[in-house]
Protein backbone atom coordinates (compact mmCIF):
# COMPACT_ATOMS: atom_id res chain seq x y z
CA UNK A 1 -9.84 -19.57 24.78
CA UNK A 2 -12.39 -16.98 23.63
CA UNK A 3 -11.89 -14.22 26.21
CA UNK A 4 -14.74 -12.11 24.78
CA UNK A 5 -17.32 -14.91 24.57
CA UNK A 6 -20.90 -13.59 24.78
CA UNK A 7 -19.70 -9.93 24.77
CA UNK A 8 -20.90 -7.19 22.42
CA UNK A 9 -18.37 -4.62 21.18
CA UNK A 10 -18.38 -1.41 19.21
CA UNK A 11 -15.27 -0.56 17.24
CA UNK A 12 -14.93 2.84 15.45
CA UNK A 13 -12.39 3.58 12.80
CA UNK A 14 -12.86 -0.06 11.79
CA UNK A 15 -12.36 0.32 8.03
CA UNK A 16 -8.53 0.10 8.25
CA UNK A 17 -5.51 -0.04 10.54
CA UNK A 18 -5.82 -0.68 14.26
CA UNK A 19 -9.61 -0.53 14.16
CA UNK A 20 -9.98 -3.22 11.51
CA UNK A 21 -7.43 -5.45 13.18
CA UNK A 22 -9.19 -4.99 16.50
CA UNK A 23 -12.59 -5.83 15.09
CA UNK A 24 -11.25 -9.06 13.55
CA UNK A 25 -9.51 -10.01 16.82
CA UNK A 26 -12.46 -9.24 19.05
CA UNK A 27 -14.74 -11.34 16.82
CA UNK A 28 -12.17 -14.15 16.80
CA UNK A 29 -12.33 -14.09 20.57
CA UNK A 30 -16.15 -14.46 20.61
CA UNK A 31 -17.42 -10.88 20.57
CA UNK A 32 -20.33 -9.84 18.47
CA UNK A 33 -19.06 -6.67 16.84
CA UNK A 34 -20.67 -3.45 15.60
CA UNK A 35 -18.10 -1.76 13.36
CA UNK A 36 -18.25 1.90 12.39
CA UNK A 37 -16.39 4.05 9.81
CA UNK A 38 -17.15 6.44 6.91
CA UNK A 39 -16.52 3.92 4.11
CA UNK A 40 -19.41 1.47 3.70
CA UNK A 41 -17.57 -0.66 1.18
CA UNK A 42 -14.65 -1.31 3.48
CA UNK A 43 -17.10 -2.11 6.35
CA UNK A 44 -18.99 -4.51 4.10
CA UNK A 45 -15.74 -6.34 3.37
CA UNK A 46 -14.86 -6.48 7.10
CA UNK A 47 -18.28 -7.81 8.05
CA UNK A 48 -18.10 -10.50 5.39
CA UNK A 49 -14.65 -11.53 6.55
CA UNK A 50 -15.89 -11.80 10.16
CA UNK A 51 -18.99 -13.75 9.27
CA UNK A 52 -17.00 -16.11 6.88
CA UNK A 53 -14.84 -16.93 9.96
CA UNK A 54 -17.95 -17.86 11.99
CA UNK A 55 -18.27 -14.52 13.85
CA UNK A 56 -21.07 -12.05 14.23
CA UNK A 57 -20.89 -8.51 12.95
CA UNK A 58 -22.95 -5.59 11.84
CA UNK A 59 -21.82 -2.32 10.23
CA UNK A 60 -22.90 1.27 10.57
CA UNK A 61 -21.45 3.83 8.20
CA UNK A 62 -21.11 7.42 9.37
CA UNK A 63 -19.00 10.28 10.63
CA UNK A 64 -17.76 10.20 14.26
CA UNK A 65 -18.02 13.96 14.40
CA UNK A 66 -21.81 13.57 14.28
CA UNK A 67 -23.30 12.74 17.61
CA UNK A 68 -26.16 10.86 15.95
CA UNK A 69 -23.61 8.38 14.62
CA UNK A 70 -22.65 7.45 18.19
CA UNK A 71 -26.33 7.00 19.00
CA UNK A 72 -26.85 4.74 15.96
CA UNK A 73 -23.90 2.56 16.85
CA UNK A 74 -25.27 1.89 20.30
CA UNK A 75 -28.75 1.35 18.99
CA UNK A 76 -27.54 -1.29 16.50
CA UNK A 77 -25.58 -3.06 19.21
CA UNK A 78 -28.71 -3.31 21.32
CA UNK A 79 -31.01 -4.23 18.45
CA UNK A 80 -28.83 -6.85 16.76
CA UNK A 81 -26.97 -8.30 19.73
CA UNK A 82 -28.92 -7.39 22.83
CA UNK A 83 -26.69 -4.84 24.53
CA UNK A 84 -23.20 -3.47 24.83
CA UNK A 85 -20.11 -4.56 26.98
CA UNK A 86 -17.14 -3.01 25.17
CA UNK A 87 -16.50 0.24 23.26
CA UNK A 88 -13.23 0.74 21.41
CA UNK A 89 -13.39 4.43 20.38
CA UNK A 90 -10.55 4.27 17.96
CA UNK A 91 -11.41 6.60 15.10
CA UNK A 92 -9.09 9.57 14.58
CA UNK A 93 -7.34 11.83 12.18
CA UNK A 94 -3.96 13.48 11.82
CA UNK A 95 -5.66 16.67 10.92
CA UNK A 96 -4.02 19.81 9.47
CA UNK A 97 -0.32 19.84 10.10
CA UNK A 98 2.64 22.20 9.61
CA UNK A 99 3.89 25.24 11.52
CA UNK A 100 1.40 26.32 14.08
CA UNK A 101 0.97 29.96 12.82
CA UNK A 102 -0.30 28.43 9.54
CA UNK A 103 -2.94 26.14 11.06
CA UNK A 104 -6.45 27.37 10.28
CA UNK A 105 -9.16 27.57 12.87
CA UNK A 106 -11.15 25.07 10.80
CA UNK A 107 -8.23 22.60 10.81
CA UNK A 108 -7.79 22.95 14.55
CA UNK A 109 -11.48 22.46 15.10
CA UNK A 110 -11.68 19.44 12.82
CA UNK A 111 -8.90 17.69 14.78
CA UNK A 112 -10.65 18.34 18.07
CA UNK A 113 -14.02 17.20 16.69
CA UNK A 114 -12.66 13.93 15.14
CA UNK A 115 -10.20 12.93 17.85
CA UNK A 116 -11.73 14.22 21.09
CA UNK A 117 -15.35 15.35 20.77
CA UNK A 118 -16.17 12.14 18.94
CA UNK A 119 -14.87 10.18 21.84
CA UNK A 120 -17.05 12.18 24.24
CA UNK A 121 -20.07 11.56 22.00
CA UNK A 122 -19.24 7.88 21.95
CA UNK A 123 -18.89 7.55 25.70
CA UNK A 124 -21.98 9.68 26.35
CA UNK A 125 -24.21 7.21 24.53
CA UNK A 126 -22.29 4.01 25.40
CA UNK A 127 -22.36 4.58 29.15
CA UNK A 128 -26.13 3.91 29.64
CA UNK A 129 -26.00 0.73 27.55
CA UNK A 130 -22.90 -0.56 29.46
CA UNK A 131 -24.56 0.22 32.81
CA UNK A 132 -27.62 -1.80 31.71
CA UNK A 133 -25.28 -4.78 31.45
CA UNK A 134 -23.79 -4.16 34.84
CA UNK A 135 -20.50 -2.56 33.64
CA UNK A 136 -17.99 -2.93 30.87
CA UNK A 137 -14.93 -1.49 29.24
CA UNK A 138 -14.37 1.74 27.31
CA UNK A 139 -11.05 2.13 25.44
CA UNK A 140 -9.90 5.29 23.65
CA UNK A 141 -7.02 5.39 21.15
CA UNK A 142 -4.70 8.20 22.15
CA UNK A 143 -0.98 8.38 21.22
CA UNK A 144 2.39 9.04 22.77
CA UNK A 145 2.59 12.24 20.73
CA UNK A 146 1.96 15.16 23.05
CA UNK A 147 2.12 12.83 26.04
CA UNK A 148 5.70 11.60 26.34
CA UNK A 149 7.17 13.00 23.09
CA UNK A 150 6.70 16.28 21.26
CA UNK A 151 6.96 16.61 17.50
CA UNK A 152 6.91 19.85 15.49
CA UNK A 153 4.00 20.57 13.24
CA UNK A 154 1.27 18.45 14.78
CA UNK A 155 -0.17 20.78 17.49
CA UNK A 156 -3.79 20.03 16.73
CA UNK A 157 -3.21 16.25 16.59
CA UNK A 158 -1.16 16.27 19.84
CA UNK A 159 -3.56 18.45 21.76
CA UNK A 160 -6.71 16.60 20.70
CA UNK A 161 -5.19 13.18 21.42
CA UNK A 162 -3.76 14.33 24.78
CA UNK A 163 -7.26 15.47 25.71
CA UNK A 164 -8.37 11.85 25.52
CA UNK A 165 -6.24 11.07 28.53
CA UNK A 166 -8.05 13.66 30.60
CA UNK A 167 -11.37 12.30 29.41
CA UNK A 168 -10.18 8.77 30.33
CA UNK A 169 -9.27 9.75 33.82
CA UNK A 170 -12.45 11.73 34.48
CA UNK A 171 -14.65 8.86 33.22
CA UNK A 172 -12.73 6.27 35.11
CA UNK A 173 -13.29 8.07 38.40
CA UNK A 174 -16.94 8.73 37.52
CA UNK A 175 -17.83 5.23 36.36
CA UNK A 176 -15.62 2.94 38.47
CA UNK A 177 -18.15 2.53 41.24
CA UNK A 178 -20.64 1.28 38.64
CA UNK A 179 -18.27 -1.33 37.14
CA UNK A 180 -17.28 0.52 33.95
CA UNK A 181 -13.52 0.59 33.34
CA UNK A 182 -12.07 3.32 31.07
CA UNK A 183 -8.52 3.23 29.65
CA UNK A 184 -6.62 4.87 26.89
CA UNK A 185 -4.35 2.93 24.48
CA UNK A 186 -1.28 4.99 23.37
CA UNK A 187 0.29 3.33 20.31
CA UNK A 188 3.75 4.08 19.01
CA UNK A 189 4.43 4.25 15.31
CA UNK A 190 2.17 1.80 13.58
CA UNK A 191 1.97 0.80 9.92
CA UNK A 192 -1.44 2.33 9.22
CA UNK A 193 -2.72 4.73 6.48
CA UNK A 194 -2.28 7.58 8.97
CA UNK A 195 1.36 6.68 9.51
CA UNK A 196 1.93 6.86 5.74
CA UNK A 197 0.11 10.18 5.58
CA UNK A 198 2.21 11.60 8.38
CA UNK A 199 5.45 10.26 6.92
CA UNK A 200 5.27 10.51 3.22
CA UNK A 201 8.23 8.44 2.11
CA UNK A 202 9.95 5.13 2.97
CA UNK A 203 12.86 7.21 4.23
CA UNK A 204 10.60 9.12 6.61
CA UNK A 205 9.01 5.91 7.91
CA UNK A 206 12.47 4.49 8.49
CA UNK A 207 13.49 7.53 10.41
CA UNK A 208 10.42 7.18 12.67
CA UNK A 209 11.12 3.49 13.14
CA UNK A 210 14.66 4.34 14.25
CA UNK A 211 13.23 6.46 17.10
CA UNK A 212 11.77 3.31 18.78
CA UNK A 213 13.79 1.11 21.05
CA UNK A 214 12.62 -1.80 18.99
CA UNK A 215 13.84 -0.08 15.84
CA UNK A 216 10.71 -0.85 13.94
CA UNK A 217 7.09 0.14 13.60
CA UNK A 218 4.20 -1.92 14.88
CA UNK A 219 1.75 -3.96 12.86
CA UNK A 220 -1.90 -3.03 13.53
CA UNK A 221 -2.42 -6.54 14.88
CA UNK A 222 0.01 -5.86 17.69
CA UNK A 223 -2.02 -2.91 18.85
CA UNK A 224 -5.20 -4.91 18.47
CA UNK A 225 -3.80 -7.40 21.01
CA UNK A 226 -3.33 -4.58 23.44
CA UNK A 227 -6.89 -3.31 22.88
CA UNK A 228 -8.10 -6.88 23.48
CA UNK A 229 -6.34 -6.89 26.84
CA UNK A 230 -7.96 -3.61 27.87
CA UNK A 231 -11.35 -4.77 26.57
CA UNK A 232 -11.23 -8.12 28.35
CA UNK A 233 -11.38 -9.29 31.94
CA UNK A 234 -7.62 -9.78 31.76
CA UNK A 235 -7.38 -6.09 32.74
CA UNK A 236 -10.14 -6.26 35.33
CA UNK A 237 -8.22 -4.09 37.86
CA UNK A 238 -7.06 -1.46 35.35
CA UNK A 239 -8.90 1.82 34.92
CA UNK A 240 -7.87 5.40 34.23
CA UNK A 241 -4.60 4.40 32.63
CA UNK A 242 -2.77 5.81 29.67
CA UNK A 243 -1.18 2.46 28.48
CA UNK A 244 1.85 2.94 26.29
CA UNK A 245 2.33 0.37 23.66
CA UNK A 246 4.88 2.26 21.80
CA UNK A 247 7.87 0.14 21.02
CA UNK A 248 9.95 2.10 23.54
CA UNK A 249 9.80 5.38 21.66
CA UNK A 250 8.98 7.20 24.95
CA UNK A 251 12.20 6.11 26.63
CA UNK A 252 14.56 5.63 23.71
CA UNK A 253 17.56 8.00 23.12
CA UNK A 254 19.55 5.76 20.87
């Protein structure tokens, strides 16, 4: 069953990891997908893969820190596919890390711009298009870090990602009467380029895996399934939630 048949979706951070897996899965389930990221070549490969499987996709390369990029993504969804039903605002960065006294103002600001302000820009321009279709679903990728678990050395990442939960709740209350649902997806450790950047050795990745109740890290496809749930009518009575899909890292003490 194609649960996103006749839907149009935007996916940011689509060149790799959770975003790429979600774009492929959304298309597999019938959505026409506008994919965004900085790397045009990776987006071209993704669009080719979606089209080869019989799906519909269009790419827009750009930087989520730039408000005009959010505008272009929506404009392309409307121009190529007739509107917008789903927005998976997934792009993010680890940002500058290390002891907090050593974090630069520029590093702090870049994390906020990439993880939080970009999501605001996305929603700002997605909302009118969603309302024109009578409603829809916005999903932000947050994290358990800074929400249920604190880690040293990632203050900018944790604060910027935690801010997405506040944004989720405010937008859910604002847009619920108009049929737009807004939720945050909180992944646990996932085997993405960011995870490898954050944990620079196999031993470090194994240590992070051990923190989870499931004693492993997620595959991006597992998080894509959760994003599909939030994007689809299967979650029709869910809004304003911070949905943990974290392998039990938030509750584990073993």
